[in-house]
Amino acid sequence: EYYDVRQGLDNTLKSKSGQRPNNILTNRNIHKLFNCCATLHTRSARRNEAMLAMLYGANMAPTEVLSLHIEDYDFQNSRINIPDSHTPRTIYLNADVQEILKSWLLHRGTGAGPLLCPVLKNDTVQIRLLSYQSLTNICTRLSKAAKIPAFKPRDLNKTHRQHLQDRQNSTLEIPRP
């Protein structure tokens, strides 16, 4: 189920360009995604949960998430510094996002390199950049595992903004099982 701002719950409509409209995931589907990650006890599940937490819980753009390095994460002050050539910014993390990132870092380690990294099939973390295509593939796998319609990484931060607007609130809690 998606909630499309322009078309209600009908996610089968196409825009004029023929592309799928920007979809907003329902609260129920967000819960399913986080529950899907929480029930698995693998490094890739912790990485996927961290990815969801940054895209949805911290309202970060997919390119921001992919460009983050461990040095950008300020553990003591619970914030992430996003070094962008145009407008650097700081994102303050709520307790849920911080807890999820700490859980991922127990598996990833705190050595220099990208914050999100590939996890091989043998559950080994490779300290190298994750590609945008890999991020999209992870979202596809998660949607199938959680039994929800497919979504793109950018749909998560758009969902965050829509949920804030719907609640007229400044923070969102990450659903925990």
Protein backbone atom coordinates (compact mmCIF):
# COMPACT_ATOMS: atom_id res chain seq x y z
CA GLU A 1 0.00 0.00 0.00
CA TYR A 2 1.26 3.41 -0.91
CA TYR A 3 -0.25 6.74 -0.18
CA ASP A 4 0.24 8.97 -3.16
CA VAL A 5 -0.30 12.59 -2.21
CA ARG A 6 -1.94 13.41 -5.55
CA GLN A 7 -4.00 10.26 -6.06
CA GLY A 8 -5.00 8.89 -2.65
CA LEU A 9 -4.25 5.19 -2.24
CA ASP A 10 -4.15 4.40 -5.96
CA ASN A 11 -0.53 3.60 -6.69
CA THR A 12 -1.25 2.20 -10.16
CA LEU A 13 -1.55 5.62 -11.79
CA LYS A 14 1.27 6.95 -13.91
CA SER A 15 2.40 10.54 -14.24
CA LYS A 16 2.36 12.36 -17.58
CA SER A 17 5.93 11.22 -18.21
CA GLY A 18 4.85 7.58 -17.81
CA GLN A 19 6.89 7.19 -14.64
CA ARG A 20 5.53 5.90 -11.36
CA PRO A 21 4.51 8.86 -9.16
CA ASN A 22 6.57 9.58 -6.08
CA ASN A 23 5.02 7.25 -3.55
CA ILE A 24 4.60 7.69 0.15
CA LEU A 25 4.69 4.49 2.18
CA THR A 26 2.00 3.92 4.77
CA ASN A 27 2.83 3.69 8.48
CA ARG A 28 1.95 0.02 8.30
CA ASN A 29 4.50 -0.58 5.54
CA ILE A 30 7.20 1.34 7.41
CA HIS A 31 6.54 -0.91 10.41
CA LYS A 32 6.79 -4.00 8.20
CA LEU A 33 10.16 -2.87 6.82
CA PHE A 34 11.71 -2.27 10.24
CA ASN A 35 10.20 -5.51 11.62
CA CYS A 36 11.62 -7.43 8.66
CA CYS A 37 15.13 -6.17 9.50
CA ALA A 38 14.73 -6.65 13.25
CA THR A 39 13.77 -10.32 12.96
CA LEU A 40 16.94 -11.25 11.06
CA HIS A 41 20.22 -11.67 12.91
CA THR A 42 22.69 -10.91 10.13
CA ARG A 43 25.09 -8.10 9.36
CA SER A 44 23.16 -7.24 6.21
CA ALA A 45 19.97 -6.87 8.28
CA ARG A 46 21.76 -4.41 10.61
CA ARG A 47 23.08 -2.49 7.60
CA ASN A 48 19.61 -2.43 6.01
CA GLU A 49 18.07 -1.22 9.25
CA ALA A 50 20.70 1.56 9.44
CA MET A 51 19.92 2.51 5.84
CA LEU A 52 16.18 2.70 6.61
CA ALA A 53 16.86 4.68 9.79
CA MET A 54 18.91 7.29 7.91
CA LEU A 55 16.56 7.56 4.91
CA TYR A 56 13.31 7.56 6.88
CA GLY A 57 14.19 8.36 10.50
CA ALA A 58 16.81 11.04 9.80
CA ASN A 59 15.21 12.26 6.55
CA MET A 60 18.41 11.99 4.55
CA ALA A 61 18.56 11.84 0.76
CA PRO A 62 19.91 8.60 -0.74
CA THR A 63 22.97 10.37 -2.17
CA GLU A 64 23.71 11.82 1.28
CA VAL A 65 23.50 8.37 2.88
CA LEU A 66 25.82 6.87 0.27
CA SER A 67 28.41 9.64 0.59
CA LEU A 68 28.71 9.39 4.39
CA HIS A 69 31.93 8.21 5.95
CA ILE A 70 32.46 7.10 9.53
CA GLU A 71 34.26 10.40 10.17
CA ASP A 72 30.99 12.27 9.43
CA TYR A 73 29.21 10.56 12.34
CA ASP A 74 29.71 12.41 15.64
CA PHE A 75 29.03 9.71 18.26
CA GLN A 76 29.21 11.96 21.33
CA ASN A 77 26.80 14.61 20.03
CA SER A 78 24.43 12.26 18.18
CA ARG A 79 24.75 14.00 14.85
CA ILE A 80 25.84 13.45 11.29
CA ASN A 81 27.70 16.15 9.39
CA ILE A 82 26.84 16.07 5.72
CA PRO A 83 29.71 17.52 3.72
CA ASP A 84 28.10 18.85 0.56
CA SER A 85 29.92 21.14 -1.82
CA HIS A 86 27.00 23.57 -1.90
CA THR A 87 25.35 23.51 1.52
CA PRO A 88 26.97 21.49 4.30
CA ARG A 89 24.49 20.63 7.03
CA THR A 90 24.21 18.80 10.32
CA ILE A 91 21.51 16.28 11.15
CA TYR A 92 20.80 15.60 14.81
CA LEU A 93 19.78 12.00 15.39
CA ASN A 94 16.98 10.87 17.64
CA ALA A 95 17.62 8.02 20.08
CA ASP A 96 16.10 5.37 17.80
CA VAL A 97 18.32 6.24 14.83
CA GLN A 98 21.38 6.45 17.04
CA GLU A 99 20.66 3.02 18.57
CA ILE A 100 20.27 1.46 15.12
CA LEU A 101 23.51 3.05 13.86
CA LYS A 102 25.39 1.81 16.93
CA SER A 103 24.07 -1.70 16.28
CA TRP A 104 25.31 -1.54 12.67
CA LEU A 105 28.70 -0.21 13.75
CA LEU A 106 29.17 -3.20 16.08
CA HIS A 107 29.22 -5.33 12.91
CA ARG A 108 30.88 -2.83 10.56
CA GLY A 109 33.54 -1.63 12.98
CA THR A 110 34.62 1.96 13.55
CA GLY A 111 37.57 2.06 11.16
CA ALA A 112 37.80 4.73 8.48
CA GLY A 113 35.68 4.40 5.36
CA PRO A 114 32.07 4.62 4.20
CA LEU A 115 29.35 4.35 6.85
CA LEU A 116 27.21 1.98 4.77
CA CYS A 117 29.14 -0.86 3.15
CA PRO A 118 28.36 -3.98 1.16
CA VAL A 119 27.84 -7.21 3.09
CA LEU A 120 28.82 -10.34 1.17
CA LYS A 121 26.72 -13.51 1.07
CA ASN A 122 29.03 -15.07 3.66
CA ASP A 123 28.04 -12.19 6.01
CA THR A 124 31.40 -10.42 5.69
CA VAL A 125 31.43 -6.62 5.64
CA GLN A 126 33.52 -5.03 2.89
CA ILE A 127 34.69 -1.52 3.76
CA ARG A 128 34.01 0.19 0.45
CA LEU A 129 31.35 2.45 -1.03
CA LEU A 130 27.87 1.09 -1.60
CA SER A 131 26.51 2.04 -5.03
CA TYR A 132 23.15 3.69 -5.69
CA GLN A 133 22.12 0.58 -7.64
CA SER A 134 22.95 -1.56 -4.59
CA LEU A 135 20.79 0.72 -2.43
CA THR A 136 17.92 0.33 -4.92
CA ASN A 137 18.41 -3.47 -4.96
CA ILE A 138 18.31 -3.55 -1.14
CA CYS A 139 15.00 -1.66 -1.20
CA THR A 140 13.62 -4.16 -3.74
CA ARG A 141 14.70 -7.13 -1.60
CA LEU A 142 13.27 -5.52 1.55
CA SER A 143 9.93 -4.81 -0.12
CA LYS A 144 9.66 -8.47 -1.18
CA ALA A 145 10.68 -9.75 2.27
CA ALA A 146 8.23 -7.40 4.02
CA LYS A 147 5.53 -8.21 1.43
CA ILE A 148 4.88 -4.60 0.50
CA PRO A 149 4.88 -2.89 -2.92
CA ALA A 150 8.28 -1.99 -4.36
CA PHE A 151 9.70 1.40 -3.43
CA LYS A 152 12.76 3.44 -4.27
CA PRO A 153 15.25 4.83 -1.73
CA ARG A 154 14.02 8.41 -2.29
CA ASP A 155 10.48 7.33 -1.33
CA LEU A 156 11.63 6.88 2.28
CA ASN A 157 12.70 10.46 2.91
CA LYS A 158 9.63 11.73 1.02
CA THR A 159 7.55 9.49 3.30
CA HIS A 160 9.27 11.02 6.33
CA ARG A 161 8.38 14.55 5.23
CA GLN A 162 4.77 13.58 4.47
CA HIS A 163 4.35 11.83 7.82
CA LEU A 164 5.69 14.91 9.62
CA GLN A 165 3.29 17.11 7.70
CA ASP A 166 0.38 14.78 8.47
CA ARG A 167 1.25 14.81 12.18
CA GLN A 168 2.30 18.46 12.31
CA ASN A 169 5.13 17.27 14.49
CA SER A 170 8.87 17.84 14.49
CA THR A 171 10.00 14.26 15.17
CA LEU A 172 9.05 10.77 14.10
CA GLU A 173 9.70 7.63 16.06
CA ILE A 174 11.14 4.63 14.33
CA PRO A 175 8.88 1.62 14.73
CA ARG A 176 10.47 -1.02 16.92
CA PRO A 177 9.22 -4.62 17.25
